[in-house]
Each structure stands twice: as C-alpha cells, then as structure tokens.
C-alpha atoms as a PDB file:
ATOM      1  CA  MET A   1     -46.847  13.420 -32.073  1.00  0.00           C
ATOM      2  CA  SER A   2     -46.551  14.808 -35.571  1.00  0.00           C
ATOM      3  CA  SER A   3     -43.712  17.037 -34.413  1.00  0.00           C
ATOM      4  CA  MET A   4     -41.867  13.974 -33.113  1.00  0.00           C
ATOM      5  CA  CYS A   5     -42.231  12.183 -36.461  1.00  0.00           C
ATOM      6  CA  ALA A   6     -40.941  15.251 -38.216  1.00  0.00           C
ATOM      7  CA  ALA A   7     -37.935  15.261 -35.930  1.00  0.00           C
ATOM      8  CA  THR A   8     -37.102  11.628 -36.784  1.00  0.00           C
ATOM      9  CA  ARG A   9     -37.437  12.300 -40.472  1.00  0.00           C
ATOM     10  CA  GLU A  10     -34.945  15.122 -40.236  1.00  0.00           C
ATOM     11  CA  GLY A  11     -32.464  12.886 -38.452  1.00  0.00           C
ATOM     12  CA  ARG A  12     -31.683  12.316 -34.810  1.00  0.00           C
ATOM     13  CA  ARG A  13     -30.262  15.421 -33.137  1.00  0.00           C
ATOM     14  CA  ASP A  14     -29.251  15.948 -29.563  1.00  0.00           C
ATOM     15  CA  ALA A  15     -29.983  19.026 -27.493  1.00  0.00           C
ATOM     16  CA  ARG A  16     -27.132  20.957 -29.147  1.00  0.00           C
ATOM     17  CA  GLY A  17     -28.406  20.266 -32.643  1.00  0.00           C
ATOM     18  CA  GLU A  18     -25.698  17.750 -33.621  1.00  0.00           C
ATOM     19  CA  ALA A  19     -26.523  14.540 -35.444  1.00  0.00           C
ATOM     20  CA  GLY A  20     -25.580  11.203 -33.895  1.00  0.00           C
ATOM     21  CA  PHE A  21     -25.082   7.609 -35.002  1.00  0.00           C
ATOM     22  CA  THR A  22     -27.577   4.818 -34.586  1.00  0.00           C
ATOM     23  CA  LEU A  23     -26.718   1.535 -32.891  1.00  0.00           C
ATOM     24  CA  VAL A  24     -26.893  -0.271 -36.219  1.00  0.00           C
ATOM     25  CA  GLU A  25     -24.406   2.084 -37.804  1.00  0.00           C
ATOM     26  CA  LEU A  26     -21.975   1.635 -34.915  1.00  0.00           C
ATOM     27  CA  LEU A  27     -22.333  -2.157 -35.100  1.00  0.00           C
ATOM     28  CA  ILE A  28     -21.595  -2.128 -38.857  1.00  0.00           C
ATOM     29  CA  VAL A  29     -18.429  -0.121 -38.262  1.00  0.00           C
ATOM     30  CA  ILE A  30     -17.309  -2.512 -35.513  1.00  0.00           C
ATOM     31  CA  VAL A  31     -17.922  -5.565 -37.733  1.00  0.00           C
ATOM     32  CA  LEU A  32     -15.943  -3.958 -40.593  1.00  0.00           C
ATOM     33  CA  LEU A  33     -13.024  -3.169 -38.299  1.00  0.00           C
ATOM     34  CA  GLY A  34     -13.047  -6.774 -37.070  1.00  0.00           C
ATOM     35  CA  ILE A  35     -12.900  -8.085 -40.622  1.00  0.00           C
ATOM     36  CA  ILE A  36     -10.026  -5.754 -41.471  1.00  0.00           C
ATOM     37  CA  ALA A  37      -8.140  -6.855 -38.340  1.00  0.00           C
ATOM     38  CA  THR A  38      -8.666 -10.516 -39.145  1.00  0.00           C
ATOM     39  CA  VAL A  39      -7.359 -10.116 -42.708  1.00  0.00           C
ATOM     40  CA  THR A  40      -4.341  -8.231 -41.422  1.00  0.00           C
ATOM     41  CA  VAL A  41      -3.490 -10.898 -38.819  1.00  0.00           C
ATOM     42  CA  PHE A  42      -3.641 -13.682 -41.410  1.00  0.00           C
ATOM     43  CA  ALA A  43      -1.559 -11.638 -43.895  1.00  0.00           C
ATOM     44  CA  VAL A  44       1.410 -11.146 -41.538  1.00  0.00           C
ATOM     45  CA  ARG A  45       1.232 -14.498 -39.756  1.00  0.00           C
ATOM     46  CA  GLY A  46       4.140 -16.166 -41.624  1.00  0.00           C
ATOM     47  CA  VAL A  47       6.463 -13.169 -41.746  1.00  0.00           C
ATOM     48  CA  SER A  48       8.764 -14.370 -38.902  1.00  0.00           C
ATOM     49  CA  THR A  49       9.107 -17.888 -40.370  1.00  0.00           C
ATOM     50  CA  ARG A  50      10.054 -16.515 -43.761  1.00  0.00           C
ATOM     51  CA  GLY A  51      12.554 -14.138 -42.062  1.00  0.00           C
ATOM     52  CA  LYS A  52      14.245 -16.981 -40.219  1.00  0.00           C
ATOM     53  CA  THR A  53      14.452 -19.082 -43.400  1.00  0.00           C
ATOM     54  CA  ASN A  54      15.988 -16.208 -45.401  1.00  0.00           C
ATOM     55  CA  ALA A  55      18.450 -15.422 -42.593  1.00  0.00           C
ATOM     56  CA  CYS A  56      19.648 -19.047 -42.605  1.00  0.00           C
ATOM     57  CA  LEU A  57      20.013 -19.005 -46.409  1.00  0.00           C
ATOM     58  CA  MET A  58      22.034 -15.761 -46.296  1.00  0.00           C
ATOM     59  CA  ASP A  59      24.242 -17.105 -43.487  1.00  0.00           C
ATOM     60  CA  ARG A  60      25.012 -20.215 -45.528  1.00  0.00           C
ATOM     61  CA  ARG A  61      25.722 -18.178 -48.687  1.00  0.00           C
ATOM     62  CA  MET A  62      27.997 -15.870 -46.713  1.00  0.00           C
ATOM     63  CA  LEU A  63      30.029 -18.824 -45.398  1.00  0.00           C
ATOM     64  CA  GLU A  64      30.329 -20.356 -48.869  1.00  0.00           C
ATOM     65  CA  THR A  65      31.431 -16.993 -50.331  1.00  0.00           C
ATOM     66  CA  ALA A  66      33.954 -16.399 -47.530  1.00  0.00           C
ATOM     67  CA  ALA A  67      35.380 -19.915 -48.027  1.00  0.00           C
ATOM     68  CA  GLU A  68      35.774 -19.330 -51.792  1.00  0.00           C
ATOM     69  CA  ALA A  69      37.372 -15.924 -51.197  1.00  0.00           C
ATOM     70  CA  TYR A  70      39.780 -17.567 -48.716  1.00  0.00           C
ATOM     71  CA  LEU A  71      40.855 -20.185 -51.287  1.00  0.00           C
ATOM     72  CA  VAL A  72      41.476 -17.502 -53.904  1.00  0.00           C
ATOM     73  CA  GLY A  73      42.996 -14.850 -51.615  1.00  0.00           C
ATOM     74  CA  GLU A  74      45.255 -17.195 -49.680  1.00  0.00           C
ATOM     75  CA  ALA A  75      46.245 -19.220 -52.807  1.00  0.00           C
ATOM     76  CA  THR A  76      45.618 -22.540 -51.077  1.00  0.00           C
ATOM     77  CA  SER A  77      43.756 -25.629 -52.109  1.00  0.00           C
ATOM     78  CA  SER A  78      43.056 -26.890 -48.526  1.00  0.00           C
ATOM     79  CA  PRO A  79      39.609 -26.083 -47.109  1.00  0.00           C
ATOM     80  CA  ALA A  80      39.396 -23.463 -44.369  1.00  0.00           C
ATOM     81  CA  SER A  81      37.789 -23.736 -41.006  1.00  0.00           C
ATOM     82  CA  GLU A  82      35.603 -20.975 -39.597  1.00  0.00           C
ATOM     83  CA  ALA A  83      38.449 -19.968 -37.311  1.00  0.00           C
ATOM     84  CA  ASP A  84      40.750 -19.567 -40.336  1.00  0.00           C
ATOM     85  CA  LEU A  85      38.114 -17.367 -42.030  1.00  0.00           C
ATOM     86  CA  VAL A  86      37.750 -15.209 -38.972  1.00  0.00           C
ATOM     87  CA  THR A  87      41.531 -14.922 -38.494  1.00  0.00           C
ATOM     88  CA  ALA A  88      42.104 -14.040 -42.119  1.00  0.00           C
ATOM     89  CA  GLY A  89      39.353 -11.360 -41.962  1.00  0.00           C
ATOM     90  CA  TYR A  90      36.827 -13.008 -44.269  1.00  0.00           C
ATOM     91  CA  LEU A  91      34.282 -13.313 -41.438  1.00  0.00           C
ATOM     92  CA  ARG A  92      33.683 -11.138 -38.438  1.00  0.00           C
ATOM     93  CA  ALA A  93      32.624 -14.031 -36.208  1.00  0.00           C
ATOM     94  CA  PRO A  94      31.848 -17.743 -36.542  1.00  0.00           C
ATOM     95  CA  SER A  95      28.368 -18.618 -37.738  1.00  0.00           C
ATOM     96  CA  PRO A  96      25.877 -19.630 -34.998  1.00  0.00           C
ATOM     97  CA  ASN A  97      23.953 -21.759 -37.549  1.00  0.00           C
ATOM     98  CA  PHE A  98      26.518 -23.628 -39.637  1.00  0.00           C
ATOM     99  CA  ASP A  99      29.855 -25.428 -39.458  1.00  0.00           C
ATOM    100  CA  PHE A 100      32.317 -26.760 -41.993  1.00  0.00           C
ATOM    101  CA  ASP A 101      32.878 -30.487 -42.366  1.00  0.00           C
ATOM    102  CA  VAL A 102      36.345 -31.997 -42.983  1.00  0.00           C
ATOM    103  CA  SER A 103      36.086 -31.481 -46.761  1.00  0.00           C
ATOM    104  CA  GLY A 104      35.181 -27.779 -46.349  1.00  0.00           C
ATOM    105  CA  ASN A 105      31.460 -28.081 -47.075  1.00  0.00           C
ATOM    106  CA  VAL A 106      29.003 -25.983 -45.131  1.00  0.00           C
ATOM    107  CA  VAL A 107      26.733 -28.176 -42.927  1.00  0.00           C
ATOM    108  CA  ALA A 108      24.035 -27.248 -40.384  1.00  0.00           C
ATOM    109  CA  GLN A 109      25.017 -27.461 -36.749  1.00  0.00           C
ATOM    110  CA  ALA A 110      23.524 -30.261 -34.691  1.00  0.00           C
ATOM    111  CA  GLY A 111      20.866 -28.969 -32.328  1.00  0.00           C
ATOM    112  CA  ASN A 112      20.687 -25.608 -34.034  1.00  0.00           C
ATOM    113  CA  PRO A 113      18.129 -23.384 -32.233  1.00  0.00           C
ATOM    114  CA  ASN A 114      17.180 -21.696 -35.491  1.00  0.00           C
ATOM    115  CA  ASP A 115      16.507 -24.985 -37.278  1.00  0.00           C
ATOM    116  CA  CYS A 116      18.600 -24.117 -40.316  1.00  0.00           C
ATOM    117  CA  VAL A 117      18.962 -26.969 -42.741  1.00  0.00           C
END
C-alpha cells in the first residue's frame, strides 16, 4: 500500500513511464477553450453588417464623385444619369444600390436587397 501512495505522490504514470492528465485538468482546458470560443463569436458577430454598411457608403460616394467628374469633364450643367456615366467611362456599370433622381441627386433604390439608405 505504501508503494502505491509513493507512486501517486510522484505523479500518475502509465506502463511506459509517461505522465498523464487528470480528468479535472482536461475539464479545465475544455472550459477555457469554450470561453475563448464564446468571446471570439461575439467579437466577430457584427462584421458582415458593418461590411454591408460600408459597401453602401462607398457605392454612394463613388456615384457622387463620378457625377461631379462628369459635370467637370463634359463641361455641362445638366445632371447625368447612370447610363451617361457608364457611356462616358466614369463608371464601369450602373450601381445595384442607388439611382439618380431628376435633379441628379443620388437616392436609394426602392426594394434594394442590400437595404442601403
């Protein structure tokens, strides 16, 4: 019996002489990994929403800049449509998120799937 107590004081070893982990140690590691995973999930939860919002803002700014460049480059005072901006080379393609109203202002499309405002 005393030899068994001596073996537990030296640490648990298997038949090959290697030390192992106790159940409590393994449970502590699992709990810590769970806490780290939870913190990570909550930290990255709003990334896609912020990305969509920033994409909409950049799309709007791009249209406004292209419209201003069209007015300066074409030496005109009449507002351009998106088709005019694409034809003149100021845009590659019409915006899927925004349109121009009759006075040349950028407005969100009705029923926009990206919910740009």
